[in-house]
N, C-alpha and C. Protein backbone atom coordinates (compact mmCIF):
# COMPACT_ATOMS: atom_id res chain seq x y z
N MET A 1 0.83 -1.19 -0.01
CA MET A 1 0.01 0.02 -0.01
C MET A 1 0.85 1.22 0.00
N ARG A 2 1.94 1.24 0.72
CA ARG A 2 2.76 2.40 0.92
C ARG A 2 3.34 2.81 -0.42
N GLU A 3 3.71 1.85 -1.23
CA GLU A 3 4.33 2.17 -2.51
C GLU A 3 3.43 2.92 -3.43
N ARG A 4 2.12 2.67 -3.30
CA ARG A 4 1.11 3.38 -4.13
C ARG A 4 0.56 4.53 -3.43
N GLY A 5 1.15 5.08 -2.39
CA GLY A 5 0.61 6.26 -1.68
C GLY A 5 -0.61 6.02 -0.89
N PHE A 6 -0.85 4.80 -0.47
CA PHE A 6 -1.96 4.36 0.32
C PHE A 6 -3.31 4.56 -0.48
N GLU A 7 -3.27 4.62 -1.80
CA GLU A 7 -4.45 4.83 -2.59
C GLU A 7 -5.53 3.74 -2.47
N ASP A 8 -5.18 2.53 -2.03
CA ASP A 8 -6.18 1.50 -1.82
C ASP A 8 -6.30 1.13 -0.38
N TYR A 9 -5.87 2.14 0.51
CA TYR A 9 -6.17 2.01 1.96
C TYR A 9 -7.71 2.05 2.23
N ARG A 10 -8.26 1.20 3.10
CA ARG A 10 -9.58 1.17 3.58
C ARG A 10 -9.54 1.01 5.02
N LEU A 11 -10.28 1.89 5.79
CA LEU A 11 -10.49 1.69 7.23
C LEU A 11 -11.78 0.85 7.35
N GLU A 12 -11.68 -0.26 8.02
CA GLU A 12 -12.83 -1.17 8.28
C GLU A 12 -13.42 -0.79 9.57
N ILE A 13 -14.81 -0.68 9.57
CA ILE A 13 -15.49 -0.57 10.88
C ILE A 13 -16.50 -1.63 10.93
N GLY A 14 -16.50 -2.33 12.06
CA GLY A 14 -17.39 -3.57 12.19
C GLY A 14 -17.47 -4.03 13.64
N GLY A 15 -17.53 -5.39 13.70
CA GLY A 15 -17.72 -6.07 14.97
C GLY A 15 -19.21 -6.14 15.26
N LEU A 16 -19.61 -5.74 16.48
CA LEU A 16 -20.97 -5.89 16.89
C LEU A 16 -21.78 -4.65 16.38
N VAL A 17 -22.00 -4.57 15.05
CA VAL A 17 -22.74 -3.52 14.52
C VAL A 17 -23.72 -4.11 13.53
N GLU A 18 -24.71 -3.32 13.21
CA GLU A 18 -25.85 -3.86 12.31
C GLU A 18 -25.35 -4.01 10.90
N GLU A 19 -24.43 -3.10 10.44
CA GLU A 19 -23.83 -3.21 9.11
C GLU A 19 -22.44 -2.66 9.13
N GLU A 20 -21.49 -3.47 8.66
CA GLU A 20 -20.07 -3.07 8.57
C GLU A 20 -19.86 -2.06 7.46
N LYS A 21 -18.82 -1.24 7.64
CA LYS A 21 -18.64 -0.21 6.58
C LYS A 21 -17.06 -0.05 6.46
N SER A 22 -16.69 0.49 5.37
CA SER A 22 -15.26 0.78 5.20
C SER A 22 -15.16 2.11 4.47
N PHE A 23 -13.99 2.77 4.64
CA PHE A 23 -13.78 4.18 4.24
C PHE A 23 -12.28 4.34 3.68
N SER A 24 -12.17 5.03 2.52
CA SER A 24 -10.85 5.46 2.14
C SER A 24 -10.50 6.65 2.96
N ILE A 25 -9.19 7.14 2.81
CA ILE A 25 -8.83 8.34 3.49
C ILE A 25 -9.57 9.49 2.90
N ASP A 26 -9.75 9.58 1.59
CA ASP A 26 -10.52 10.61 0.99
C ASP A 26 -11.94 10.68 1.46
N GLU A 27 -12.54 9.56 1.60
CA GLU A 27 -13.98 9.47 2.07
C GLU A 27 -14.03 9.96 3.54
N LEU A 28 -12.98 9.59 4.34
CA LEU A 28 -13.03 10.11 5.81
C LEU A 28 -12.83 11.61 5.77
N LYS A 29 -12.01 12.19 4.93
CA LYS A 29 -11.75 13.59 4.87
C LYS A 29 -12.96 14.35 4.47
N ALA A 30 -13.81 13.73 3.55
CA ALA A 30 -15.08 14.44 3.09
C ALA A 30 -16.14 14.42 4.21
N LEU A 31 -15.89 13.63 5.29
CA LEU A 31 -16.90 13.66 6.42
C LEU A 31 -16.67 14.84 7.38
N GLY A 32 -15.53 15.56 7.16
CA GLY A 32 -15.22 16.61 8.07
C GLY A 32 -13.96 16.43 8.71
N HIS A 33 -13.45 17.45 9.40
CA HIS A 33 -12.19 17.34 10.13
C HIS A 33 -12.10 18.28 11.28
N VAL A 34 -11.22 17.94 12.26
CA VAL A 34 -10.90 18.75 13.35
C VAL A 34 -9.39 18.91 13.43
N THR A 35 -8.88 19.95 14.07
CA THR A 35 -7.48 20.14 14.34
C THR A 35 -7.34 20.28 15.83
N ASN A 36 -6.34 19.52 16.35
CA ASN A 36 -6.06 19.64 17.77
C ASN A 36 -4.51 19.90 17.91
N ILE A 37 -4.14 20.69 18.91
CA ILE A 37 -2.75 20.87 19.24
C ILE A 37 -2.68 20.24 20.58
N THR A 38 -1.98 19.11 20.69
CA THR A 38 -1.96 18.36 21.95
C THR A 38 -0.56 17.87 22.29
N MET A 39 -0.43 17.50 23.54
CA MET A 39 0.83 16.90 24.01
C MET A 39 0.78 15.38 24.02
N HIS A 40 1.77 14.77 23.48
CA HIS A 40 1.87 13.28 23.45
C HIS A 40 2.79 12.94 24.67
N THR A 41 2.32 11.99 25.55
CA THR A 41 3.09 11.59 26.62
C THR A 41 3.42 10.11 26.46
N CYS A 42 4.68 9.80 26.70
CA CYS A 42 5.16 8.50 26.61
C CYS A 42 5.49 7.97 28.02
N MET A 43 5.17 6.65 28.27
CA MET A 43 5.46 6.13 29.54
C MET A 43 6.97 6.03 29.75
N GLN A 44 7.80 6.18 28.67
CA GLN A 44 9.22 6.24 28.80
C GLN A 44 9.73 7.54 29.37
N GLY A 45 8.83 8.55 29.52
CA GLY A 45 9.20 9.82 30.18
C GLY A 45 9.22 10.98 29.20
N TRP A 46 9.23 10.89 27.96
CA TRP A 46 9.23 11.99 27.04
C TRP A 46 7.93 12.49 26.69
N THR A 47 7.89 13.73 26.24
CA THR A 47 6.64 14.29 25.69
C THR A 47 6.96 15.11 24.45
N GLY A 48 5.92 15.35 23.68
CA GLY A 48 6.02 16.21 22.48
C GLY A 48 4.76 16.83 22.17
N ILE A 49 4.74 18.02 21.65
CA ILE A 49 3.54 18.67 21.20
C ILE A 49 3.49 18.76 19.65
N ALA A 50 2.25 18.48 19.15
CA ALA A 50 2.19 18.53 17.69
C ALA A 50 0.70 18.99 17.37
N LYS A 51 0.50 19.39 16.12
CA LYS A 51 -0.87 19.71 15.55
C LYS A 51 -1.37 18.53 14.74
N TRP A 52 -2.46 17.96 15.10
CA TRP A 52 -2.99 16.85 14.53
C TRP A 52 -4.31 17.09 13.72
N GLU A 53 -4.51 16.72 12.60
CA GLU A 53 -5.76 16.86 11.90
C GLU A 53 -6.35 15.60 11.51
N GLY A 54 -7.59 15.47 11.68
CA GLY A 54 -8.34 14.17 11.41
C GLY A 54 -9.81 14.35 11.61
N ILE A 55 -10.43 13.23 12.03
CA ILE A 55 -11.81 13.22 12.23
C ILE A 55 -12.06 12.58 13.58
N ARG A 56 -13.04 13.05 14.44
CA ARG A 56 -13.33 12.54 15.67
C ARG A 56 -13.75 11.04 15.56
N LEU A 57 -13.20 10.22 16.38
CA LEU A 57 -13.59 8.83 16.37
C LEU A 57 -15.12 8.66 16.58
N LYS A 58 -15.67 9.39 17.47
CA LYS A 58 -17.09 9.27 17.75
C LYS A 58 -17.92 9.64 16.44
N ASP A 59 -17.44 10.56 15.68
CA ASP A 59 -18.17 10.93 14.43
C ASP A 59 -18.14 9.76 13.41
N VAL A 60 -17.03 9.02 13.31
CA VAL A 60 -16.94 7.87 12.42
C VAL A 60 -17.81 6.74 12.98
N LEU A 61 -17.73 6.55 14.17
CA LEU A 61 -18.59 5.39 14.88
C LEU A 61 -20.02 5.72 14.77
N ALA A 62 -20.44 7.00 14.71
CA ALA A 62 -21.81 7.33 14.61
C ALA A 62 -22.40 6.84 13.20
N LEU A 63 -21.54 6.46 12.29
CA LEU A 63 -22.01 6.01 10.98
C LEU A 63 -22.45 4.58 10.99
N VAL A 64 -22.09 3.87 12.08
CA VAL A 64 -22.50 2.45 12.27
C VAL A 64 -23.34 2.36 13.51
N LYS A 65 -24.35 1.46 13.46
CA LYS A 65 -25.13 1.33 14.66
C LYS A 65 -24.76 0.02 15.44
N PRO A 66 -24.19 0.21 16.65
CA PRO A 66 -23.74 -0.88 17.43
C PRO A 66 -24.96 -1.67 17.91
N THR A 67 -24.75 -3.00 18.13
CA THR A 67 -25.76 -3.78 18.74
C THR A 67 -25.84 -3.56 20.21
N GLU A 68 -26.88 -4.05 20.87
CA GLU A 68 -27.07 -3.77 22.33
C GLU A 68 -25.94 -4.34 23.14
N ASP A 69 -25.21 -5.42 22.72
CA ASP A 69 -24.19 -5.96 23.59
C ASP A 69 -22.88 -5.43 23.35
N ALA A 70 -22.75 -4.38 22.51
CA ALA A 70 -21.45 -3.75 22.17
C ALA A 70 -21.07 -2.80 23.33
N ARG A 71 -19.98 -3.07 24.02
CA ARG A 71 -19.59 -2.20 25.18
C ARG A 71 -18.26 -1.52 25.06
N TYR A 72 -17.33 -2.01 24.20
CA TYR A 72 -16.00 -1.37 24.03
C TYR A 72 -15.70 -1.23 22.57
N VAL A 73 -14.69 -0.38 22.26
CA VAL A 73 -14.21 -0.17 20.91
C VAL A 73 -12.82 -0.74 20.88
N MET A 74 -12.58 -1.60 19.90
CA MET A 74 -11.19 -2.17 19.70
C MET A 74 -10.58 -1.68 18.37
N VAL A 75 -9.46 -1.09 18.49
CA VAL A 75 -8.70 -0.54 17.38
C VAL A 75 -7.53 -1.42 17.05
N THR A 76 -7.44 -1.98 15.83
CA THR A 76 -6.44 -2.91 15.42
C THR A 76 -5.53 -2.29 14.37
N SER A 77 -4.19 -2.57 14.41
CA SER A 77 -3.23 -1.99 13.57
C SER A 77 -2.82 -2.94 12.47
N TYR A 78 -2.34 -2.45 11.35
CA TYR A 78 -1.64 -3.28 10.38
C TYR A 78 -0.30 -3.75 10.93
N GLY A 79 0.24 -3.00 11.84
CA GLY A 79 1.52 -3.40 12.47
C GLY A 79 1.36 -4.52 13.50
N HIS A 80 2.43 -5.27 13.65
CA HIS A 80 2.45 -6.36 14.66
C HIS A 80 3.20 -6.01 15.89
N VAL A 81 2.83 -6.61 16.98
CA VAL A 81 3.59 -6.50 18.28
C VAL A 81 5.03 -6.99 17.99
N GLY A 82 6.02 -6.11 18.43
CA GLY A 82 7.42 -6.51 18.10
C GLY A 82 7.99 -7.64 18.82
N HIS A 83 7.46 -8.00 20.01
CA HIS A 83 7.96 -9.15 20.78
C HIS A 83 6.81 -9.62 21.75
N MET A 84 6.71 -10.92 21.72
CA MET A 84 5.74 -11.54 22.71
C MET A 84 6.46 -12.12 23.88
N TYR A 85 6.09 -11.64 25.05
CA TYR A 85 6.81 -12.09 26.31
C TYR A 85 6.64 -13.56 26.59
N ASP A 86 5.54 -14.18 26.04
CA ASP A 86 5.40 -15.60 26.28
C ASP A 86 6.07 -16.48 25.18
N GLY A 87 6.78 -15.86 24.27
CA GLY A 87 7.47 -16.55 23.28
C GLY A 87 6.53 -16.96 22.01
N GLY A 88 5.25 -16.57 22.07
CA GLY A 88 4.43 -16.94 21.03
C GLY A 88 4.60 -16.04 19.75
N PRO A 89 3.92 -16.38 18.74
CA PRO A 89 3.98 -15.59 17.50
C PRO A 89 3.46 -14.21 17.74
N THR A 90 4.05 -13.20 17.02
CA THR A 90 3.54 -11.83 17.13
C THR A 90 2.11 -11.78 16.51
N THR A 91 1.34 -10.82 17.01
CA THR A 91 -0.01 -10.60 16.55
C THR A 91 -0.22 -9.15 16.25
N PRO A 92 -1.22 -8.80 15.48
CA PRO A 92 -1.50 -7.42 15.23
C PRO A 92 -1.72 -6.64 16.48
N TYR A 93 -1.09 -5.43 16.54
CA TYR A 93 -1.23 -4.58 17.73
C TYR A 93 -2.70 -4.10 17.81
N TYR A 94 -3.17 -4.11 19.05
CA TYR A 94 -4.62 -3.60 19.25
C TYR A 94 -4.66 -2.93 20.61
N GLU A 95 -5.70 -2.05 20.69
CA GLU A 95 -6.02 -1.44 21.99
C GLU A 95 -7.53 -1.30 22.05
N CYS A 96 -8.08 -1.45 23.30
CA CYS A 96 -9.51 -1.35 23.51
C CYS A 96 -9.76 0.02 24.30
N LEU A 97 -10.83 0.65 23.86
CA LEU A 97 -11.19 1.95 24.49
C LEU A 97 -12.61 1.85 25.11
N GLU A 98 -12.69 2.46 26.27
CA GLU A 98 -13.98 2.53 26.99
C GLU A 98 -14.79 3.68 26.20
N PRO A 99 -16.11 3.59 26.34
CA PRO A 99 -16.95 4.56 25.64
C PRO A 99 -16.57 6.03 26.06
N SER A 100 -16.14 6.30 27.25
CA SER A 100 -15.85 7.58 27.75
C SER A 100 -14.67 8.16 26.96
N MET A 101 -13.68 7.24 26.59
CA MET A 101 -12.56 7.69 25.81
C MET A 101 -13.04 8.01 24.36
N VAL A 102 -13.80 7.19 23.83
CA VAL A 102 -14.32 7.41 22.48
C VAL A 102 -15.16 8.70 22.37
N ASP A 103 -15.86 9.06 23.43
CA ASP A 103 -16.60 10.25 23.41
C ASP A 103 -15.87 11.59 23.59
N ASP A 104 -14.53 11.44 23.93
CA ASP A 104 -13.74 12.64 24.10
C ASP A 104 -13.55 13.32 22.79
N ASP A 105 -13.76 14.63 22.74
CA ASP A 105 -13.51 15.36 21.45
C ASP A 105 -12.13 15.30 20.96
N GLU A 106 -11.12 15.06 21.78
CA GLU A 106 -9.72 15.02 21.34
C GLU A 106 -9.40 13.62 20.84
N CYS A 107 -10.22 12.63 20.92
CA CYS A 107 -10.03 11.28 20.45
C CYS A 107 -10.29 11.26 18.91
N ILE A 108 -9.28 11.29 18.12
CA ILE A 108 -9.45 11.44 16.72
C ILE A 108 -8.67 10.38 15.92
N LEU A 109 -9.04 10.16 14.69
CA LEU A 109 -8.33 9.38 13.75
C LEU A 109 -7.58 10.41 12.90
N ALA A 110 -6.22 10.51 13.07
CA ALA A 110 -5.44 11.58 12.47
C ALA A 110 -4.85 11.09 11.16
N TRP A 111 -4.91 11.97 10.12
CA TRP A 111 -4.27 11.74 8.80
C TRP A 111 -3.15 12.81 8.52
N ALA A 112 -3.06 13.82 9.40
CA ALA A 112 -2.01 14.83 9.20
C ALA A 112 -1.37 15.22 10.54
N MET A 113 -0.11 15.61 10.43
CA MET A 113 0.60 16.11 11.62
C MET A 113 1.42 17.31 11.22
N ASN A 114 1.20 18.41 12.05
CA ASN A 114 1.90 19.58 11.74
C ASN A 114 1.69 20.11 10.28
N GLY A 115 0.50 19.90 9.78
CA GLY A 115 0.16 20.42 8.43
C GLY A 115 0.55 19.68 7.25
N GLU A 116 1.13 18.48 7.52
CA GLU A 116 1.60 17.56 6.47
C GLU A 116 0.92 16.18 6.61
N PRO A 117 0.84 15.45 5.49
CA PRO A 117 0.21 14.10 5.59
C PRO A 117 1.03 13.28 6.67
N LEU A 118 0.29 12.50 7.43
CA LEU A 118 0.93 11.81 8.47
C LEU A 118 2.03 10.84 7.96
N PRO A 119 3.33 11.06 8.39
CA PRO A 119 4.36 10.13 7.87
C PRO A 119 4.18 8.73 8.47
N ASP A 120 4.64 7.82 7.62
CA ASP A 120 4.61 6.44 7.90
C ASP A 120 5.13 6.12 9.34
N VAL A 121 6.24 6.71 9.66
CA VAL A 121 6.89 6.45 10.91
C VAL A 121 5.99 6.82 12.12
N TYR A 122 5.17 7.77 11.89
CA TYR A 122 4.17 8.24 13.00
C TYR A 122 2.82 7.51 12.90
N GLY A 123 2.74 6.56 11.96
CA GLY A 123 1.44 5.84 11.94
C GLY A 123 0.61 6.09 10.62
N GLY A 124 1.18 6.79 9.63
CA GLY A 124 0.37 7.08 8.40
C GLY A 124 0.07 5.82 7.68
N PRO A 125 -1.12 5.82 7.02
CA PRO A 125 -1.84 6.99 6.69
C PRO A 125 -2.81 7.38 7.75
N LEU A 126 -3.17 6.57 8.71
CA LEU A 126 -4.21 6.94 9.75
C LEU A 126 -3.70 6.32 11.07
N ARG A 127 -3.81 7.15 12.11
CA ARG A 127 -3.52 6.73 13.43
C ARG A 127 -4.51 7.28 14.43
N LEU A 128 -4.65 6.53 15.52
CA LEU A 128 -5.59 6.95 16.59
C LEU A 128 -4.86 7.97 17.45
N ARG A 129 -5.49 9.04 17.86
CA ARG A 129 -4.99 10.00 18.81
C ARG A 129 -6.06 9.99 19.96
N ALA A 130 -5.68 9.48 21.17
CA ALA A 130 -6.49 9.54 22.33
C ALA A 130 -5.73 10.30 23.36
N ASP A 131 -5.74 11.56 23.36
CA ASP A 131 -4.84 12.36 24.13
C ASP A 131 -4.98 12.41 25.62
N SER A 132 -5.94 11.69 26.09
CA SER A 132 -6.07 11.52 27.54
C SER A 132 -5.29 10.25 28.03
N GLN A 133 -4.67 9.60 26.99
CA GLN A 133 -3.96 8.41 27.34
C GLN A 133 -2.47 8.52 26.97
N HIS A 134 -1.65 7.61 27.47
CA HIS A 134 -0.28 7.49 27.05
C HIS A 134 -0.23 7.06 25.62
N GLY A 135 0.97 7.24 24.93
CA GLY A 135 1.07 6.97 23.53
C GLY A 135 0.72 5.51 23.11
N TYR A 136 1.04 4.58 24.03
CA TYR A 136 0.67 3.16 23.56
C TYR A 136 -0.74 2.88 23.28
N LYS A 137 -1.69 3.79 23.82
CA LYS A 137 -3.07 3.58 23.44
C LYS A 137 -3.44 4.14 22.02
N MET A 138 -2.45 4.87 21.50
CA MET A 138 -2.70 5.54 20.18
C MET A 138 -2.25 4.77 19.06
N VAL A 139 -3.01 3.79 18.62
CA VAL A 139 -2.60 2.79 17.64
C VAL A 139 -2.25 3.47 16.37
N LYS A 140 -1.06 3.05 15.86
CA LYS A 140 -0.47 3.55 14.53
C LYS A 140 -1.06 2.61 13.50
N TRP A 141 -1.08 3.06 12.21
CA TRP A 141 -1.42 2.21 11.02
C TRP A 141 -2.74 1.54 11.24
N VAL A 142 -3.78 2.34 11.61
CA VAL A 142 -5.03 1.77 11.93
C VAL A 142 -5.61 0.99 10.76
N HIS A 143 -6.06 -0.24 10.99
CA HIS A 143 -6.63 -1.09 9.96
C HIS A 143 -8.12 -1.30 10.21
N ARG A 144 -8.51 -1.60 11.40
CA ARG A 144 -9.90 -1.99 11.69
C ARG A 144 -10.28 -1.40 13.09
N ILE A 145 -11.58 -0.94 13.11
CA ILE A 145 -12.14 -0.50 14.34
C ILE A 145 -13.39 -1.33 14.60
N GLU A 146 -13.63 -1.85 15.70
CA GLU A 146 -14.79 -2.64 15.88
C GLU A 146 -15.36 -2.56 17.28
N TRP A 147 -16.63 -2.62 17.39
CA TRP A 147 -17.36 -2.67 18.60
C TRP A 147 -17.25 -4.19 19.14
N ILE A 148 -16.85 -4.36 20.37
CA ILE A 148 -16.82 -5.72 20.99
C ILE A 148 -17.62 -5.68 22.26
N HIS A 149 -17.90 -6.87 22.76
CA HIS A 149 -18.64 -6.96 24.01
C HIS A 149 -17.73 -6.82 25.25
N ASP A 150 -16.67 -7.54 25.25
CA ASP A 150 -15.78 -7.47 26.41
C ASP A 150 -14.31 -7.72 26.00
N TYR A 151 -13.42 -6.80 26.51
CA TYR A 151 -12.04 -6.96 26.08
C TYR A 151 -11.36 -8.17 26.76
N HIS A 152 -12.06 -8.73 27.76
CA HIS A 152 -11.43 -9.97 28.33
C HIS A 152 -11.45 -11.12 27.37
N ASP A 153 -12.19 -11.01 26.27
CA ASP A 153 -12.25 -12.05 25.32
C ASP A 153 -11.25 -11.91 24.19
N VAL A 154 -10.38 -10.82 24.23
CA VAL A 154 -9.43 -10.55 23.19
C VAL A 154 -8.02 -10.66 23.68
N GLY A 155 -7.14 -11.29 22.91
CA GLY A 155 -5.71 -11.36 23.39
C GLY A 155 -5.65 -12.07 24.79
N ASP A 156 -4.88 -11.54 25.62
CA ASP A 156 -4.76 -12.02 26.97
C ASP A 156 -5.76 -11.46 27.96
N GLY A 157 -6.74 -10.72 27.40
CA GLY A 157 -7.90 -10.22 28.22
C GLY A 157 -7.64 -8.96 29.06
N GLN A 158 -6.54 -8.21 28.76
CA GLN A 158 -6.22 -7.06 29.56
C GLN A 158 -6.57 -5.72 28.96
N GLY A 159 -7.08 -5.74 27.74
CA GLY A 159 -7.56 -4.52 27.09
C GLY A 159 -6.69 -3.93 25.98
N GLY A 160 -5.62 -4.57 25.72
CA GLY A 160 -4.71 -4.10 24.63
C GLY A 160 -3.44 -4.90 24.60
N SER A 161 -2.64 -4.63 23.52
CA SER A 161 -1.34 -5.35 23.40
C SER A 161 -0.42 -5.01 24.51
N ARG A 162 -0.35 -3.77 24.82
CA ARG A 162 0.62 -3.33 25.95
C ARG A 162 0.11 -3.80 27.25
N GLU A 163 -1.23 -3.72 27.54
CA GLU A 163 -1.79 -4.16 28.83
C GLU A 163 -1.58 -5.68 29.00
N ASP A 164 -1.68 -6.39 27.85
CA ASP A 164 -1.45 -7.81 27.93
C ASP A 164 -0.09 -8.20 28.47
N SER A 165 0.88 -7.29 28.19
CA SER A 165 2.23 -7.49 28.61
C SER A 165 2.56 -6.89 29.89
N GLY A 166 1.51 -6.50 30.71
CA GLY A 166 1.67 -5.99 32.08
C GLY A 166 1.65 -4.51 32.30
N LEU A 167 1.42 -3.69 31.31
CA LEU A 167 1.34 -2.26 31.47
C LEU A 167 -0.14 -1.81 31.75
N GLN A 168 -0.32 -0.79 32.57
CA GLN A 168 -1.61 -0.29 32.89
C GLN A 168 -1.82 1.03 32.30
N HIS A 169 -3.08 1.38 31.98
CA HIS A 169 -3.34 2.68 31.40
C HIS A 169 -3.94 3.66 32.52
N PHE A 170 -3.72 4.93 32.30
CA PHE A 170 -4.30 5.87 33.25
C PHE A 170 -4.47 7.22 32.47
N ASP A 171 -5.20 8.14 33.03
CA ASP A 171 -5.35 9.45 32.35
C ASP A 171 -4.06 10.20 32.34
N ALA A 172 -3.55 10.45 31.16
CA ALA A 172 -2.28 11.14 31.01
C ALA A 172 -2.38 12.53 30.56
N ARG A 173 -3.58 13.12 30.61
CA ARG A 173 -3.84 14.51 30.17
C ARG A 173 -3.08 15.43 31.02
N ALA A 174 -2.28 16.37 30.37
CA ALA A 174 -1.41 17.34 31.09
C ALA A 174 -2.28 18.51 31.35
């Protein structure tokens, strides 16, 4: 996809919804956009400030109707976890979000950073920005977003690839 400028990229939205949908970057851009200047906090101790442009996650999710048993949103990456502590095969990186995170106006799917298309190294063509969380919740190279019933049924049941390896999330808003 990268070699062709991500022209055939599609964001898949599904899981526990009445009808699954998919969108190209151009289709997402046509739905509207927001710009946020926010601080990125890393659990390794560094921070950085950038201007992000994209669409609110809640606005994209409003285009699908979740079923009654949908309780969490899971975001999955094209990228794989670099190392599995249990020695197993690597799996696509994922994180689960509670509805309160999804409803945050600063929780966006970003396609631009500092006025330029989002570079591949920072998660282009599309990455999650959940600025109330540490960076590991902000999935790069977003492939699929789905409503799920319980994150305990996914991976090791801790709510995300990093949590499965023993890390905890908390509100990192500065």
